[in-house]
Structure formats: C-alpha cells, structure tokens
N, C-alpha and C. Protein backbone atom coordinates (compact mmCIF):
# COMPACT_ATOMS: atom_id res chain seq x y z
N UNK A 1 27.37 20.08 61.69
CA UNK A 1 28.77 20.33 61.43
C UNK A 1 29.31 19.37 60.37
N UNK A 2 28.88 18.10 60.44
CA UNK A 2 29.36 17.12 59.46
C UNK A 2 29.01 17.53 58.04
N UNK A 3 27.81 18.09 57.86
CA UNK A 3 27.38 18.45 56.51
C UNK A 3 28.27 19.56 55.94
N UNK A 4 28.71 20.50 56.80
CA UNK A 4 29.58 21.57 56.32
C UNK A 4 30.95 21.04 55.93
N UNK A 5 31.45 20.09 56.69
CA UNK A 5 32.74 19.49 56.37
C UNK A 5 32.64 18.73 55.05
N UNK A 6 31.56 17.98 54.88
CA UNK A 6 31.37 17.25 53.61
C UNK A 6 31.25 18.20 52.44
N UNK A 7 30.49 19.27 52.60
CA UNK A 7 30.34 20.26 51.53
C UNK A 7 31.67 20.93 51.21
N UNK A 8 32.47 21.21 52.23
CA UNK A 8 33.77 21.82 52.01
C UNK A 8 34.66 20.91 51.16
N UNK A 9 34.74 19.63 51.53
CA UNK A 9 35.60 18.71 50.78
C UNK A 9 35.04 18.43 49.39
N UNK A 10 33.73 18.42 49.24
CA UNK A 10 33.15 18.24 47.91
C UNK A 10 33.49 19.44 47.02
N UNK A 11 33.39 20.64 47.57
CA UNK A 11 33.75 21.85 46.81
C UNK A 11 35.23 21.84 46.46
N UNK A 12 36.05 21.40 47.41
CA UNK A 12 37.49 21.31 47.16
C UNK A 12 37.79 20.35 46.01
N UNK A 13 37.13 19.20 46.00
CA UNK A 13 37.32 18.23 44.89
C UNK A 13 36.86 18.81 43.57
N UNK A 14 35.74 19.54 43.59
CA UNK A 14 35.22 20.12 42.35
C UNK A 14 36.19 21.15 41.79
N UNK A 15 36.83 21.91 42.67
CA UNK A 15 37.77 22.95 42.24
C UNK A 15 39.12 22.34 41.84
N UNK A 16 39.65 21.46 42.67
CA UNK A 16 41.00 20.93 42.43
C UNK A 16 41.04 19.83 41.38
N UNK A 17 39.95 19.11 41.18
CA UNK A 17 39.92 18.00 40.21
C UNK A 17 40.38 18.42 38.82
N UNK A 18 39.75 19.43 38.22
CA UNK A 18 40.18 19.85 36.88
C UNK A 18 41.62 20.37 36.86
N UNK A 19 42.06 21.00 37.94
CA UNK A 19 43.44 21.50 38.00
C UNK A 19 44.41 20.32 37.97
N UNK A 20 44.09 19.27 38.73
CA UNK A 20 44.96 18.09 38.77
C UNK A 20 45.00 17.40 37.40
N UNK A 21 43.86 17.31 36.74
CA UNK A 21 43.83 16.69 35.41
C UNK A 21 44.61 17.52 34.40
N UNK A 22 44.51 18.83 34.50
CA UNK A 22 45.28 19.70 33.60
C UNK A 22 46.78 19.53 33.84
N UNK A 23 47.18 19.48 35.11
CA UNK A 23 48.59 19.28 35.44
C UNK A 23 49.07 17.93 34.89
N UNK A 24 48.24 16.89 35.02
CA UNK A 24 48.62 15.58 34.49
C UNK A 24 48.84 15.65 32.98
N UNK A 25 47.96 16.36 32.29
CA UNK A 25 48.08 16.49 30.84
C UNK A 25 49.33 17.27 30.45
N UNK A 26 49.59 18.35 31.15
CA UNK A 26 50.74 19.20 30.81
C UNK A 26 52.08 18.58 31.15
N UNK A 27 52.11 17.70 32.14
CA UNK A 27 53.37 17.08 32.55
C UNK A 27 53.48 15.63 32.09
N UNK A 28 52.74 15.29 31.07
CA UNK A 28 52.73 13.91 30.55
C UNK A 28 54.12 13.52 30.07
N UNK A 29 54.68 12.44 30.63
CA UNK A 29 56.02 12.02 30.20
C UNK A 29 55.99 11.37 28.82
N UNK A 30 57.12 11.44 28.15
CA UNK A 30 57.25 10.77 26.86
C UNK A 30 57.50 9.29 27.13
N UNK A 31 56.80 8.43 26.43
CA UNK A 31 56.96 6.99 26.61
C UNK A 31 58.27 6.49 26.04
N UNK A 32 58.78 5.42 26.63
CA UNK A 32 60.01 4.84 26.11
C UNK A 32 59.71 4.16 24.78
N UNK A 33 60.71 4.13 23.94
CA UNK A 33 60.56 3.54 22.62
C UNK A 33 61.21 2.17 22.60
N UNK A 34 60.45 1.19 22.17
CA UNK A 34 60.95 -0.18 22.07
C UNK A 34 60.86 -0.63 20.62
N UNK A 35 61.65 -1.62 20.24
CA UNK A 35 61.45 -2.21 18.91
C UNK A 35 60.02 -2.78 18.83
N UNK A 36 59.52 -2.85 17.62
CA UNK A 36 58.12 -3.25 17.42
C UNK A 36 57.82 -4.62 18.04
N UNK A 37 58.70 -5.57 17.90
CA UNK A 37 58.47 -6.90 18.46
C UNK A 37 58.45 -6.86 19.99
N UNK A 38 59.34 -6.08 20.57
CA UNK A 38 59.38 -5.97 22.03
C UNK A 38 58.11 -5.28 22.55
N UNK A 39 57.65 -4.23 21.86
CA UNK A 39 56.43 -3.55 22.28
C UNK A 39 55.22 -4.47 22.15
N UNK A 40 55.20 -5.29 21.11
CA UNK A 40 54.10 -6.25 20.95
C UNK A 40 54.08 -7.25 22.10
N UNK A 41 55.25 -7.67 22.55
CA UNK A 41 55.33 -8.59 23.69
C UNK A 41 54.84 -7.90 24.97
N UNK A 42 55.20 -6.64 25.15
CA UNK A 42 54.73 -5.88 26.31
C UNK A 42 53.22 -5.71 26.25
N UNK A 43 52.70 -5.37 25.08
CA UNK A 43 51.26 -5.22 24.91
C UNK A 43 50.53 -6.51 25.28
N UNK A 44 51.08 -7.63 24.89
CA UNK A 44 50.48 -8.93 25.20
C UNK A 44 50.47 -9.17 26.71
N UNK A 45 51.58 -8.85 27.37
CA UNK A 45 51.66 -9.04 28.83
C UNK A 45 50.70 -8.11 29.57
N UNK A 46 50.47 -6.93 29.03
CA UNK A 46 49.60 -5.94 29.68
C UNK A 46 48.13 -6.35 29.63
N UNK A 47 47.79 -7.29 28.79
CA UNK A 47 46.39 -7.74 28.72
C UNK A 47 45.96 -8.43 30.01
N UNK A 48 46.90 -8.88 30.81
CA UNK A 48 46.57 -9.54 32.08
C UNK A 48 46.57 -8.56 33.25
N UNK A 49 46.68 -7.26 32.96
CA UNK A 49 46.71 -6.24 34.00
C UNK A 49 45.53 -5.29 33.86
N UNK A 50 45.03 -4.82 35.00
CA UNK A 50 43.96 -3.82 35.00
C UNK A 50 44.19 -2.88 36.18
N UNK A 51 44.08 -1.59 35.94
CA UNK A 51 44.25 -0.59 36.99
C UNK A 51 42.89 -0.05 37.38
N UNK A 52 42.50 -0.29 38.63
CA UNK A 52 41.29 0.31 39.18
C UNK A 52 41.72 1.66 39.73
N UNK A 53 41.02 2.73 39.33
CA UNK A 53 41.48 4.07 39.65
C UNK A 53 40.33 5.06 39.67
N UNK A 54 40.63 6.25 40.21
CA UNK A 54 39.75 7.42 40.14
C UNK A 54 40.49 8.44 39.26
N UNK A 55 39.76 9.21 38.51
CA UNK A 55 40.39 10.15 37.58
C UNK A 55 41.25 11.19 38.29
N UNK A 56 40.79 11.73 39.41
CA UNK A 56 41.51 12.83 40.04
C UNK A 56 42.29 12.43 41.29
N UNK A 57 42.45 11.16 41.55
CA UNK A 57 43.23 10.70 42.70
C UNK A 57 44.71 10.94 42.41
N UNK A 58 45.43 11.67 43.27
CA UNK A 58 46.84 11.96 43.00
C UNK A 58 47.72 10.71 42.93
N UNK A 59 47.38 9.70 43.70
CA UNK A 59 48.16 8.45 43.65
C UNK A 59 47.89 7.70 42.35
N UNK A 60 46.66 7.78 41.86
CA UNK A 60 46.32 7.17 40.57
C UNK A 60 47.03 7.90 39.43
N UNK A 61 47.11 9.22 39.54
CA UNK A 61 47.82 10.01 38.54
C UNK A 61 49.29 9.60 38.50
N UNK A 62 49.89 9.38 39.65
CA UNK A 62 51.29 8.93 39.74
C UNK A 62 51.47 7.62 38.98
N UNK A 63 50.56 6.67 39.17
CA UNK A 63 50.65 5.38 38.49
C UNK A 63 50.42 5.54 36.99
N UNK A 64 49.44 6.35 36.61
CA UNK A 64 49.18 6.56 35.17
C UNK A 64 50.38 7.21 34.48
N UNK A 65 51.04 8.15 35.16
CA UNK A 65 52.23 8.78 34.58
C UNK A 65 53.33 7.74 34.34
N UNK A 66 53.49 6.82 35.29
CA UNK A 66 54.50 5.77 35.12
C UNK A 66 54.11 4.84 33.98
N UNK A 67 52.83 4.55 33.85
CA UNK A 67 52.36 3.71 32.74
C UNK A 67 52.70 4.38 31.40
N UNK A 68 52.50 5.70 31.33
CA UNK A 68 52.84 6.42 30.09
C UNK A 68 54.35 6.40 29.85
N UNK A 69 55.13 6.62 30.91
CA UNK A 69 56.59 6.63 30.76
C UNK A 69 57.10 5.29 30.26
N UNK A 70 56.48 4.20 30.71
CA UNK A 70 56.90 2.86 30.29
C UNK A 70 56.15 2.37 29.04
N UNK A 71 55.28 3.19 28.48
CA UNK A 71 54.50 2.84 27.28
C UNK A 71 53.70 1.55 27.50
N UNK A 72 52.91 1.53 28.57
CA UNK A 72 52.13 0.35 28.91
C UNK A 72 50.65 0.58 28.65
N UNK A 73 50.05 -0.21 27.76
CA UNK A 73 48.62 -0.07 27.48
C UNK A 73 47.76 -0.88 28.46
N UNK A 74 47.83 -0.54 29.74
CA UNK A 74 47.09 -1.26 30.77
C UNK A 74 45.65 -0.73 30.80
N UNK A 75 44.70 -1.64 30.89
CA UNK A 75 43.30 -1.27 30.97
C UNK A 75 43.06 -0.48 32.25
N UNK A 76 42.37 0.65 32.12
CA UNK A 76 42.05 1.46 33.29
C UNK A 76 40.55 1.36 33.55
N UNK A 77 40.20 1.08 34.80
CA UNK A 77 38.81 0.90 35.18
C UNK A 77 38.48 1.95 36.24
N UNK A 78 37.47 2.78 35.95
CA UNK A 78 37.06 3.81 36.90
C UNK A 78 36.17 3.18 37.97
N UNK A 79 36.63 3.21 39.21
CA UNK A 79 35.89 2.59 40.32
C UNK A 79 35.35 3.64 41.29
N UNK A 80 35.23 4.88 40.84
CA UNK A 80 34.82 5.95 41.75
C UNK A 80 33.34 5.85 42.10
N UNK A 81 32.52 5.57 41.15
CA UNK A 81 31.07 5.51 41.40
C UNK A 81 30.65 4.09 41.76
N UNK A 82 29.56 4.01 42.49
CA UNK A 82 29.00 2.69 42.80
C UNK A 82 28.64 1.99 41.50
N UNK A 83 28.92 0.71 41.42
CA UNK A 83 28.61 -0.05 40.23
C UNK A 83 29.42 -1.32 40.17
N UNK A 84 29.38 -2.00 39.02
CA UNK A 84 30.07 -3.28 38.91
C UNK A 84 31.58 -3.20 39.08
N UNK A 85 32.21 -2.13 38.62
CA UNK A 85 33.67 -2.01 38.74
C UNK A 85 34.07 -1.86 40.21
N UNK A 86 33.37 -1.03 40.92
CA UNK A 86 33.67 -0.83 42.35
C UNK A 86 33.40 -2.10 43.14
N UNK A 87 32.33 -2.79 42.79
CA UNK A 87 31.99 -4.04 43.47
C UNK A 87 33.05 -5.11 43.18
N UNK A 88 33.52 -5.19 41.94
CA UNK A 88 34.56 -6.16 41.58
C UNK A 88 35.85 -5.87 42.35
N UNK A 89 36.18 -4.59 42.51
CA UNK A 89 37.36 -4.20 43.27
C UNK A 89 37.24 -4.66 44.72
N UNK A 90 36.08 -4.43 45.32
CA UNK A 90 35.87 -4.81 46.72
C UNK A 90 35.87 -6.33 46.90
N UNK A 91 35.20 -7.03 46.00
CA UNK A 91 35.12 -8.49 46.12
C UNK A 91 36.45 -9.16 45.81
N UNK A 92 37.15 -8.68 44.81
CA UNK A 92 38.41 -9.31 44.41
C UNK A 92 39.55 -9.03 45.35
N UNK A 93 39.73 -7.76 45.71
CA UNK A 93 40.87 -7.38 46.53
C UNK A 93 40.56 -7.23 48.00
N UNK A 94 39.29 -7.14 48.33
CA UNK A 94 38.90 -7.02 49.73
C UNK A 94 38.80 -5.59 50.23
N UNK A 95 39.19 -4.62 49.42
CA UNK A 95 39.13 -3.21 49.81
C UNK A 95 38.62 -2.38 48.64
N UNK A 96 37.98 -1.27 48.97
CA UNK A 96 37.59 -0.32 47.93
C UNK A 96 38.55 0.85 48.02
N UNK A 97 39.79 0.60 47.64
CA UNK A 97 40.87 1.57 47.74
C UNK A 97 41.57 1.62 46.39
N UNK A 98 41.93 2.82 45.96
CA UNK A 98 42.63 2.99 44.70
C UNK A 98 43.92 3.75 44.94
N UNK A 99 44.91 3.63 44.07
CA UNK A 99 44.95 2.77 42.89
C UNK A 99 45.12 1.31 43.30
N UNK A 100 44.62 0.45 42.44
CA UNK A 100 44.76 -0.98 42.67
C UNK A 100 45.05 -1.65 41.32
N UNK A 101 46.13 -2.37 41.26
CA UNK A 101 46.50 -3.09 40.05
C UNK A 101 46.12 -4.55 40.22
N UNK A 102 45.25 -5.01 39.33
CA UNK A 102 44.86 -6.42 39.32
C UNK A 102 45.77 -7.15 38.34
N UNK A 103 46.48 -8.15 38.85
CA UNK A 103 47.40 -8.93 38.04
C UNK A 103 46.81 -10.33 37.92
N UNK A 104 46.42 -10.70 36.70
CA UNK A 104 45.82 -12.01 36.48
C UNK A 104 46.88 -12.96 35.93
N UNK A 105 47.09 -14.06 36.63
CA UNK A 105 48.08 -15.07 36.23
C UNK A 105 47.49 -15.94 35.13
N UNK A 106 48.34 -16.65 34.37
CA UNK A 106 47.84 -17.52 33.31
C UNK A 106 46.85 -18.59 33.81
N UNK A 107 46.99 -19.01 35.07
CA UNK A 107 46.08 -20.01 35.61
C UNK A 107 44.73 -19.42 36.05
N UNK A 108 44.56 -18.10 35.92
CA UNK A 108 43.31 -17.44 36.25
C UNK A 108 43.26 -16.83 37.64
N UNK A 109 44.26 -17.10 38.46
CA UNK A 109 44.29 -16.50 39.79
C UNK A 109 44.68 -15.03 39.68
N UNK A 110 44.28 -14.25 40.68
CA UNK A 110 44.55 -12.81 40.65
C UNK A 110 45.29 -12.36 41.89
N UNK A 111 46.16 -11.39 41.67
CA UNK A 111 46.87 -10.73 42.76
C UNK A 111 46.47 -9.25 42.67
N UNK A 112 46.25 -8.63 43.83
CA UNK A 112 45.82 -7.24 43.87
C UNK A 112 46.87 -6.41 44.60
N UNK A 113 47.44 -5.41 43.92
CA UNK A 113 48.41 -4.49 44.54
C UNK A 113 47.69 -3.16 44.79
N UNK A 114 47.75 -2.66 46.03
CA UNK A 114 47.02 -1.46 46.40
C UNK A 114 47.85 -0.19 46.54
N UNK A 115 49.07 -0.27 46.87
CA UNK A 115 49.87 0.92 47.13
C UNK A 115 50.49 1.45 45.84
N UNK A 116 50.41 2.77 45.61
CA UNK A 116 50.95 3.34 44.37
C UNK A 116 52.45 3.08 44.24
N UNK A 117 53.18 3.15 45.35
CA UNK A 117 54.62 2.88 45.32
C UNK A 117 54.91 1.44 44.93
N UNK A 118 54.13 0.51 45.46
CA UNK A 118 54.31 -0.90 45.11
C UNK A 118 53.94 -1.15 43.64
N UNK A 119 52.89 -0.49 43.18
CA UNK A 119 52.47 -0.66 41.78
C UNK A 119 53.56 -0.14 40.85
N UNK A 120 54.08 1.06 41.13
CA UNK A 120 55.13 1.64 40.29
C UNK A 120 56.37 0.75 40.32
N UNK A 121 56.73 0.25 41.50
CA UNK A 121 57.88 -0.65 41.61
C UNK A 121 57.68 -1.93 40.82
N UNK A 122 56.48 -2.48 40.88
CA UNK A 122 56.16 -3.70 40.12
C UNK A 122 56.29 -3.43 38.61
N UNK A 123 55.71 -2.33 38.15
CA UNK A 123 55.75 -2.01 36.72
C UNK A 123 57.18 -1.76 36.24
N UNK A 124 57.97 -1.06 37.03
CA UNK A 124 59.36 -0.80 36.65
C UNK A 124 60.16 -2.10 36.64
N UNK A 125 59.92 -2.96 37.62
CA UNK A 125 60.64 -4.23 37.67
C UNK A 125 60.27 -5.15 36.53
N UNK A 126 59.01 -5.15 36.16
CA UNK A 126 58.55 -6.08 35.11
C UNK A 126 58.79 -5.53 33.71
N UNK A 127 58.62 -4.22 33.53
CA UNK A 127 58.67 -3.66 32.18
C UNK A 127 59.78 -2.62 31.97
N UNK A 128 60.49 -2.25 33.01
CA UNK A 128 61.50 -1.20 32.89
C UNK A 128 62.63 -1.54 31.94
N UNK A 129 63.01 -2.81 31.86
CA UNK A 129 64.10 -3.22 30.98
C UNK A 129 63.63 -3.99 29.76
N UNK A 130 62.32 -4.01 29.56
CA UNK A 130 61.79 -4.80 28.43
C UNK A 130 62.09 -4.13 27.11
C-alpha cells in the first residue's frame, strides 16, 4: 500500500510541478524601482542572504515572488536533491525544510529563517522601504 501512495504523490508532483512553474512565470510581479545608488546598496546587502528552496514548492514560490516584487538579487540554492546544499541546510539550520533564508551577519554568524511568512516579513521589513 505504501508504494501506491508514494507513486501517487510522485505522479502528482510530476503533473503539478510544471503547472506551478508556469503559474509563477505568468504571475511574476513587477519589481520596485529604486534609484541606482539605493539599488546598489540593496544588492550589497543581499550578498549576505541565501534562499534554500525547491523549484516547485508553493511556499518557496511565495518567497521568490516577494523577492521579485522587492527587486532582491538573493542567491537561490536548490536543496531538493541529496548533496552538499541539502547537507549544508541540515547542518546549519538543523532541519531539511524549505524555504529557508540563511542570513549571514558581518561577524560570520548565521541565522536561519524557515517559515515563508517569517521570511516575507523579514524581507519586507528590511527592504520594503529601501
């Protein structure tokens, strides 16, 4: 019975994945426009951020849409498959859950935000008025 349930959800992901990516592309928000100096400052601040994500995760799509709306060039790291990115996510944050925003402080310490609502709130608070 377990194998049928797994096959069902795998088929569901195969079918819905491309639909979700198409919807993300078609509903892409227009980014906010900042003066060149202000955007350069935002770009500099975004170098300390990294988003661990899966391509077809609806919560990751929500965060990516907000990143586009705020014109944030945050590094996106695909952690869906086993490998160094997934291992770094587990070792750094303690969970293999996405979306996860890694915030690196100037002193080298890292903070990991796991909830899409918290991530969007953090991005709006930090960059919404920049």
